[in-house]
C-alpha atoms as a PDB file:
ATOM      1  CA  GLN A   1     -22.772  -7.104  -4.388  1.00  0.00           C
ATOM      2  CA  VAL A   2     -21.357 -10.553  -4.250  1.00  0.00           C
ATOM      3  CA  GLN A   3     -18.603 -11.674  -6.734  1.00  0.00           C
ATOM      4  CA  VAL A   4     -18.127 -15.366  -7.528  1.00  0.00           C
ATOM      5  CA  VAL A   5     -14.973 -16.424  -9.399  1.00  0.00           C
ATOM      6  CA  GLU A   6     -14.243 -19.910 -10.542  1.00  0.00           C
ATOM      7  CA  SER A   7     -10.850 -21.254 -11.496  1.00  0.00           C
ATOM      8  CA  GLY A   8      -9.325 -24.571 -12.607  1.00  0.00           C
ATOM      9  CA  ARG A   9     -10.890 -25.082 -16.058  1.00  0.00           C
ATOM     10  CA  GLY A  10      -9.119 -27.751 -17.989  1.00  0.00           C
ATOM     11  CA  LEU A  11      -8.832 -30.790 -20.143  1.00  0.00           C
ATOM     12  CA  ALA A  12      -8.389 -34.227 -18.655  1.00  0.00           C
ATOM     13  CA  GLN A  13      -8.142 -37.711 -20.067  1.00  0.00           C
ATOM     14  CA  PRO A  14     -10.670 -40.355 -19.056  1.00  0.00           C
ATOM     15  CA  GLY A  15      -9.603 -41.649 -15.619  1.00  0.00           C
ATOM     16  CA  GLY A  16      -7.780 -38.507 -14.804  1.00  0.00           C
ATOM     17  CA  SER A  17      -8.485 -35.857 -12.213  1.00  0.00           C
ATOM     18  CA  LEU A  18      -9.148 -32.076 -12.028  1.00  0.00           C
ATOM     19  CA  ARG A  19      -9.658 -29.679  -9.276  1.00  0.00           C
ATOM     20  CA  LEU A  20     -11.853 -26.649  -9.481  1.00  0.00           C
ATOM     21  CA  SER A  21     -11.962 -23.721  -7.108  1.00  0.00           C
ATOM     22  CA  CYS A  22     -14.427 -20.926  -6.349  1.00  0.00           C
ATOM     23  CA  ALA A  23     -14.020 -17.839  -4.362  1.00  0.00           C
ATOM     24  CA  ALA A  24     -16.856 -15.555  -3.084  1.00  0.00           C
ATOM     25  CA  SER A  25     -16.256 -11.943  -2.033  1.00  0.00           C
ATOM     26  CA  GLY A  26     -18.326  -8.935  -1.315  1.00  0.00           C
ATOM     27  CA  ASP A  27     -19.243  -6.365   1.294  1.00  0.00           C
ATOM     28  CA  ASN A  28     -21.269  -7.807   4.204  1.00  0.00           C
ATOM     29  CA  ILE A  29     -21.249 -11.232   2.672  1.00  0.00           C
ATOM     30  CA  CYS A  30     -22.987 -13.958   4.643  1.00  0.00           C
ATOM     31  CA  ILE A  31     -22.750 -17.516   3.250  1.00  0.00           C
ATOM     32  CA  SER A  32     -24.662 -20.552   4.303  1.00  0.00           C
ATOM     33  CA  ALA A  33     -23.298 -22.932   1.669  1.00  0.00           C
ATOM     34  CA  MET A  34     -21.411 -23.064  -1.581  1.00  0.00           C
ATOM     35  CA  GLY A  35     -21.493 -25.668  -4.334  1.00  0.00           C
ATOM     36  CA  TRP A  36     -21.335 -26.658  -7.939  1.00  0.00           C
ATOM     37  CA  TYR A  37     -23.661 -27.359 -10.778  1.00  0.00           C
ATOM     38  CA  ARG A  38     -22.835 -28.410 -14.237  1.00  0.00           C
ATOM     39  CA  GLN A  39     -24.440 -28.075 -17.650  1.00  0.00           C
ATOM     40  CA  ALA A  40     -23.460 -30.214 -20.663  1.00  0.00           C
ATOM     41  CA  PRO A  41     -24.423 -29.157 -24.221  1.00  0.00           C
ATOM     42  CA  GLY A  42     -28.111 -29.781 -25.002  1.00  0.00           C
ATOM     43  CA  LYS A  43     -28.797 -30.775 -21.337  1.00  0.00           C
ATOM     44  CA  GLU A  44     -30.281 -29.102 -18.254  1.00  0.00           C
ATOM     45  CA  ARG A  45     -28.100 -27.709 -15.515  1.00  0.00           C
ATOM     46  CA  GLU A  46     -27.600 -30.430 -12.826  1.00  0.00           C
ATOM     47  CA  PHE A  47     -26.459 -30.527  -9.189  1.00  0.00           C
ATOM     48  CA  VAL A  48     -22.923 -31.656  -8.567  1.00  0.00           C
ATOM     49  CA  ALA A  49     -22.061 -31.039  -4.894  1.00  0.00           C
ATOM     50  CA  GLU A  50     -22.597 -28.646  -2.079  1.00  0.00           C
ATOM     51  CA  VAL A  51     -20.960 -27.949   1.312  1.00  0.00           C
ATOM     52  CA  THR A  52     -22.474 -25.970   4.156  1.00  0.00           C
ATOM     53  CA  THR A  53     -20.576 -23.640   6.508  1.00  0.00           C
ATOM     54  CA  SER A  54     -21.275 -26.286   9.184  1.00  0.00           C
ATOM     55  CA  GLY A  55     -19.473 -28.859   7.136  1.00  0.00           C
ATOM     56  CA  ASN A  56     -22.280 -31.035   5.750  1.00  0.00           C
ATOM     57  CA  THR A  57     -21.785 -32.221   2.215  1.00  0.00           C
ATOM     58  CA  ASP A  58     -24.181 -33.401  -0.428  1.00  0.00           C
ATOM     59  CA  TYR A  59     -23.818 -35.101  -3.702  1.00  0.00           C
ATOM     60  CA  PRO A  60     -26.074 -36.897  -6.248  1.00  0.00           C
ATOM     61  CA  ASP A  61     -25.686 -40.709  -5.898  1.00  0.00           C
ATOM     62  CA  SER A  62     -24.160 -40.754  -9.396  1.00  0.00           C
ATOM     63  CA  LEU A  63     -21.115 -38.665  -8.307  1.00  0.00           C
ATOM     64  CA  LYS A  64     -20.521 -40.033  -4.761  1.00  0.00           C
ATOM     65  CA  GLY A  65     -17.076 -41.574  -4.456  1.00  0.00           C
ATOM     66  CA  ARG A  66     -15.617 -39.706  -7.425  1.00  0.00           C
ATOM     67  CA  PHE A  67     -16.147 -36.129  -6.525  1.00  0.00           C
ATOM     68  CA  THR A  68     -15.202 -34.386  -3.237  1.00  0.00           C
ATOM     69  CA  ILE A  69     -16.128 -30.923  -2.161  1.00  0.00           C
ATOM     70  CA  SER A  70     -14.499 -28.952   0.591  1.00  0.00           C
ATOM     71  CA  GLY A  71     -14.795 -25.449   1.973  1.00  0.00           C
ATOM     72  CA  ASN A  72     -12.525 -22.931   3.548  1.00  0.00           C
ATOM     73  CA  TRP A  73     -14.737 -20.482   5.290  1.00  0.00           C
ATOM     74  CA  ALA A  74     -11.988 -18.244   6.536  1.00  0.00           C
ATOM     75  CA  LYS A  75     -11.457 -17.438   2.790  1.00  0.00           C
ATOM     76  CA  ASN A  76     -14.922 -18.122   1.463  1.00  0.00           C
ATOM     77  CA  THR A  77     -13.619 -20.598  -1.009  1.00  0.00           C
ATOM     78  CA  VAL A  78     -14.635 -24.052  -2.077  1.00  0.00           C
ATOM     79  CA  SER A  79     -12.839 -26.714  -4.035  1.00  0.00           C
ATOM     80  CA  LEU A  80     -14.207 -29.538  -6.071  1.00  0.00           C
ATOM     81  CA  GLN A  81     -11.864 -32.518  -6.470  1.00  0.00           C
ATOM     82  CA  MET A  82     -12.886 -34.660  -9.410  1.00  0.00           C
ATOM     83  CA  ASN A  83     -11.354 -38.051  -9.868  1.00  0.00           C
ATOM     84  CA  SER A  84     -11.884 -40.978 -12.259  1.00  0.00           C
ATOM     85  CA  LEU A  85     -13.273 -38.573 -14.768  1.00  0.00           C
ATOM     86  CA  LYS A  86     -15.434 -39.790 -17.558  1.00  0.00           C
ATOM     87  CA  PRO A  87     -16.229 -38.170 -20.973  1.00  0.00           C
ATOM     88  CA  GLU A  88     -19.770 -37.653 -19.719  1.00  0.00           C
ATOM     89  CA  ASP A  89     -18.379 -35.342 -16.994  1.00  0.00           C
ATOM     90  CA  THR A  90     -17.628 -32.855 -19.802  1.00  0.00           C
ATOM     91  CA  ALA A  91     -19.583 -29.684 -19.061  1.00  0.00           C
ATOM     92  CA  VAL A  92     -19.463 -26.138 -17.976  1.00  0.00           C
ATOM     93  CA  TYR A  93     -19.262 -26.115 -14.231  1.00  0.00           C
ATOM     94  CA  TYR A  94     -20.857 -23.305 -12.281  1.00  0.00           C
ATOM     95  CA  CYS A  95     -20.195 -22.346  -8.701  1.00  0.00           C
ATOM     96  CA  ILE A  96     -23.190 -21.335  -6.593  1.00  0.00           C
ATOM     97  CA  VAL A  97     -23.117 -19.235  -3.331  1.00  0.00           C
ATOM     98  CA  ARG A  98     -26.017 -19.558  -1.112  1.00  0.00           C
ATOM     99  CA  SER A  99     -26.646 -16.487   1.016  1.00  0.00           C
ATOM    100  CA  CYS A 100     -27.756 -16.631   4.646  1.00  0.00           C
ATOM    101  CA  TRP A 101     -30.859 -14.925   3.407  1.00  0.00           C
ATOM    102  CA  VAL A 102     -32.903 -17.918   2.113  1.00  0.00           C
ATOM    103  CA  GLY A 103     -33.642 -17.704  -1.463  1.00  0.00           C
ATOM    104  CA  THR A 104     -30.794 -15.439  -2.487  1.00  0.00           C
ATOM    105  CA  ASN A 105     -28.073 -17.235  -4.516  1.00  0.00           C
ATOM    106  CA  TYR A 106     -25.137 -16.025  -6.562  1.00  0.00           C
ATOM    107  CA  TRP A 107     -23.642 -17.709  -9.539  1.00  0.00           C
ATOM    108  CA  GLY A 108     -20.238 -17.734 -11.127  1.00  0.00           C
ATOM    109  CA  GLN A 109     -19.783 -17.363 -14.840  1.00  0.00           C
ATOM    110  CA  GLY A 110     -18.788 -20.992 -15.387  1.00  0.00           C
ATOM    111  CA  THR A 111     -15.644 -22.845 -16.185  1.00  0.00           C
ATOM    112  CA  GLN A 112     -15.223 -25.465 -18.934  1.00  0.00           C
ATOM    113  CA  VAL A 113     -14.182 -28.977 -18.078  1.00  0.00           C
ATOM    114  CA  THR A 114     -13.509 -31.351 -20.956  1.00  0.00           C
ATOM    115  CA  VAL A 115     -12.730 -35.049 -20.546  1.00  0.00           C
ATOM    116  CA  SER A 116     -11.423 -36.601 -23.707  1.00  0.00           C
ATOM    117  CA  SER A 117      -8.722 -38.827 -24.891  1.00  0.00           C
END
């Protein structure tokens, strides 16, 4: 069983920054990538960022330049640095762990990010 634990929930003002972290653990864990999705009230879950164990990163065009994801594969952790935050970034952020076995993913429980003045 794989455990996925997020940390770094918080409140930020517009234009501010927050950093989220996610740690994966478990017996015989094999990770190909880790990333983040988010879900705002009344909206569908959307892709935020992903980094592979080979170092490739991916972001939707709407978040490029503001969000940066990085991975530490010695510790099976990823961090998401969010800058120039906007109220529309308010959402529950979910960490996803993609297993080496294609099609097997693990999700964290989510962490709340609120951007408000």
